[in-house]
């Protein structure tokens, strides 16, 4: 049985398979995004880390080692969930799965810290008297704010570049009058 000119085998042999080209382009775009995303992750880690150190110092002075431990756990949990959400958006922005990436990032950024707070409260009931809610919620809000600002930056950069690279022009309107 011979492969005709329109069979998948023939397309794969002569390199005209459009799916293979788009898969290569997608992986190259994701690799090109990594320095940009890494810079945003460093900003996120720096700000959440600074907020965590403030909470660690404040809660540690007020409640001792257990209060400091609580602040560190909250900082790591909220920071990691925000970083995961940021990576999800960064790797899917400007592509076919951009909307799904945004929805999944919302789940990562909200359900992660919420679940950690519930689990820690069940595992360590004594933490409720050591500012569990105040420290955890404040660190969550800091990570959420920074991550949201960085997501807007990522989406605006990658959606513009994908529109330009795909040849789509923006419609400009002339002023009336």
Protein backbone atom coordinates (compact mmCIF):
# COMPACT_ATOMS: atom_id res chain seq x y z
CA UNK A 1 0.00 0.00 0.00
CA UNK A 2 1.51 3.29 -1.08
CA UNK A 3 1.03 6.60 0.62
CA UNK A 4 -0.74 9.17 -1.48
CA UNK A 5 0.10 12.86 -1.47
CA UNK A 6 -2.64 13.71 1.07
CA UNK A 7 -2.09 10.92 3.58
CA UNK A 8 -0.68 11.70 7.04
CA UNK A 9 2.42 9.60 6.31
CA UNK A 10 3.30 11.71 3.29
CA UNK A 11 2.75 14.96 5.22
CA UNK A 12 4.99 13.77 8.02
CA UNK A 13 7.74 12.78 5.58
CA UNK A 14 7.83 16.02 3.61
CA UNK A 15 7.52 18.24 6.71
CA UNK A 16 4.24 19.89 5.75
CA UNK A 17 2.26 18.69 8.73
CA UNK A 18 0.67 21.88 10.11
CA UNK A 19 0.15 20.38 13.57
CA UNK A 20 3.84 19.59 13.96
CA UNK A 21 4.79 23.16 13.04
CA UNK A 22 2.33 24.67 15.50
CA UNK A 23 3.51 22.33 18.28
CA UNK A 24 7.12 23.38 17.66
CA UNK A 25 6.16 27.06 17.62
CA UNK A 26 4.19 26.70 20.86
CA UNK A 27 7.09 25.06 22.69
CA UNK A 28 9.52 27.68 21.33
CA UNK A 29 7.18 30.46 22.53
CA UNK A 30 7.01 28.91 26.00
CA UNK A 31 10.80 28.65 26.18
CA UNK A 32 11.14 32.28 25.08
CA UNK A 33 8.74 33.31 27.87
CA UNK A 34 10.76 31.72 30.67
CA UNK A 35 13.10 34.68 31.41
CA UNK A 36 10.09 37.02 31.47
CA UNK A 37 8.17 34.69 33.79
CA UNK A 38 11.20 34.10 35.98
CA UNK A 39 11.56 37.86 36.53
CA UNK A 40 7.90 38.06 37.59
CA UNK A 41 8.33 35.09 39.94
CA UNK A 42 11.32 36.80 41.56
CA UNK A 43 9.23 39.94 42.13
CA UNK A 44 6.43 37.83 43.62
CA UNK A 45 8.83 35.92 45.88
CA UNK A 46 10.52 39.11 47.03
CA UNK A 47 7.33 40.92 48.01
CA UNK A 48 5.65 37.88 49.60
CA UNK A 49 8.93 37.05 51.37
CA UNK A 50 9.18 40.57 52.75
CA UNK A 51 5.58 40.43 53.97
CA UNK A 52 6.30 37.01 55.48
CA UNK A 53 9.34 38.33 57.33
CA UNK A 54 7.28 41.18 58.76
CA UNK A 55 4.59 38.70 59.87
CA UNK A 56 7.27 36.34 61.22
CA UNK A 57 8.83 39.10 63.31
CA UNK A 58 5.53 40.48 64.57
CA UNK A 59 3.89 37.13 65.34
CA UNK A 60 7.14 35.71 66.73
CA UNK A 61 7.51 38.55 69.21
CA UNK A 62 3.89 38.25 70.23
CA UNK A 63 3.56 34.43 70.48
CA UNK A 64 7.07 32.99 70.39
CA UNK A 65 8.27 30.15 68.19
CA UNK A 66 4.79 28.83 67.37
CA UNK A 67 3.70 32.25 66.08
CA UNK A 68 6.83 32.54 63.95
CA UNK A 69 6.31 29.03 62.60
CA UNK A 70 2.74 29.90 61.65
CA UNK A 71 3.89 32.98 59.74
CA UNK A 72 6.51 30.99 57.80
CA UNK A 73 4.00 28.26 56.89
CA UNK A 74 1.51 30.86 55.70
CA UNK A 75 4.16 32.71 53.69
CA UNK A 76 5.31 29.55 51.94
CA UNK A 77 1.77 28.27 51.29
CA UNK A 78 0.43 31.56 49.93
CA UNK A 79 3.59 32.27 47.95
CA UNK A 80 3.68 28.84 46.32
CA UNK A 81 0.01 28.96 45.34
CA UNK A 82 0.45 32.45 43.85
CA UNK A 83 3.57 31.29 41.97
CA UNK A 84 1.74 28.27 40.58
CA UNK A 85 -1.12 30.51 39.43
CA UNK A 86 1.36 32.93 37.85
CA UNK A 87 3.11 30.12 35.97
CA UNK A 88 -0.21 28.73 34.77
CA UNK A 89 -1.23 32.06 33.28
CA UNK A 90 2.25 32.72 31.90
CA UNK A 91 2.43 29.43 30.05
CA UNK A 92 -1.08 29.65 28.59
CA UNK A 93 -1.41 33.39 27.84
CA UNK A 94 -1.84 34.34 24.21
CA UNK A 95 -2.68 30.80 23.14
CA UNK A 96 -5.73 28.68 22.56
CA UNK A 97 -5.93 27.73 26.24
CA UNK A 98 -5.57 31.23 27.70
CA UNK A 99 -9.06 31.37 29.19
CA UNK A 100 -8.72 27.91 30.72
CA UNK A 101 -5.35 28.95 32.14
CA UNK A 102 -6.91 31.97 33.81
CA UNK A 103 -9.65 29.86 35.36
CA UNK A 104 -7.20 27.24 36.62
CA UNK A 105 -5.00 29.99 38.06
CA UNK A 106 -7.98 31.29 40.06
CA UNK A 107 -8.40 27.82 41.54
CA UNK A 108 -4.71 27.57 42.40
CA UNK A 109 -4.49 31.01 43.97
CA UNK A 110 -7.63 30.73 46.10
CA UNK A 111 -8.15 27.07 46.94
CA UNK A 112 -4.53 26.43 47.93
CA UNK A 113 -4.34 28.95 50.78
CA UNK A 114 -7.94 28.24 51.80
CA UNK A 115 -7.27 24.51 52.07
CA UNK A 116 -4.01 25.11 53.94
CA UNK A 117 -5.75 27.37 56.44
CA UNK A 118 -8.46 24.80 57.07
CA UNK A 119 -5.99 21.91 57.42
CA UNK A 120 -3.70 23.85 59.74
CA UNK A 121 -6.64 24.88 61.89
CA UNK A 122 -7.77 21.25 62.18
CA UNK A 123 -4.25 19.96 62.85
CA UNK A 124 -3.28 22.71 65.30
CA UNK A 125 -6.33 24.08 67.13
CA UNK A 126 -4.02 26.09 69.40
CA UNK A 127 -2.98 28.21 66.41
CA UNK A 128 -6.37 29.92 66.44
CA UNK A 129 -5.32 31.84 69.52
CA UNK A 130 -2.00 32.72 67.88
CA UNK A 131 -3.33 34.86 65.02
CA UNK A 132 -3.86 32.07 62.50
CA UNK A 133 -6.59 33.95 60.69
CA UNK A 134 -4.96 37.37 60.80
CA UNK A 135 -1.54 36.25 59.62
CA UNK A 136 -2.78 33.83 57.00
CA UNK A 137 -5.38 36.16 55.52
CA UNK A 138 -3.01 39.12 55.43
CA UNK A 139 -0.30 37.08 53.67
CA UNK A 140 -2.92 35.68 51.29
CA UNK A 141 -4.10 39.17 50.41
CA UNK A 142 -0.54 40.38 49.81
CA UNK A 143 0.21 37.41 47.55
CA UNK A 144 -3.14 37.80 45.76
CA UNK A 145 -2.58 41.50 45.09
CA UNK A 146 0.95 41.07 43.78
CA UNK A 147 0.03 38.02 41.72
CA UNK A 148 -2.97 39.81 40.17
CA UNK A 149 -0.83 42.79 39.14
CA UNK A 150 1.77 40.47 37.62
CA UNK A 151 -0.89 38.42 35.80
CA UNK A 152 -2.27 41.59 34.22
CA UNK A 153 1.28 42.44 33.12
CA UNK A 154 1.80 38.97 31.65
CA UNK A 155 -1.53 38.84 29.85
CA UNK A 156 -1.12 42.33 28.39
CA UNK A 157 2.39 41.53 27.13
CA UNK A 158 1.63 38.12 25.65
CA UNK A 159 -1.76 38.88 24.16
CA UNK A 160 -0.35 41.91 22.31
CA UNK A 161 2.64 39.96 21.00
CA UNK A 162 0.46 37.06 19.87
CA UNK A 163 -1.91 39.41 18.03
CA UNK A 164 1.00 41.10 16.26
CA UNK A 165 2.81 37.87 15.39
CA UNK A 166 -0.33 36.25 13.98
CA UNK A 167 -0.92 39.15 11.62
CA UNK A 168 -4.10 40.45 13.20
CA UNK A 169 -4.32 44.21 13.07
CA UNK A 170 -6.19 46.32 15.54
CA UNK A 171 -9.06 48.34 14.20
CA UNK A 172 -8.47 52.02 14.68
CA UNK A 173 -11.34 54.43 14.60
CA UNK A 174 -11.16 57.92 13.22
CA UNK A 175 -12.45 60.64 15.50
CA UNK A 176 -15.76 62.13 14.54
CA UNK A 177 -15.95 65.72 13.47
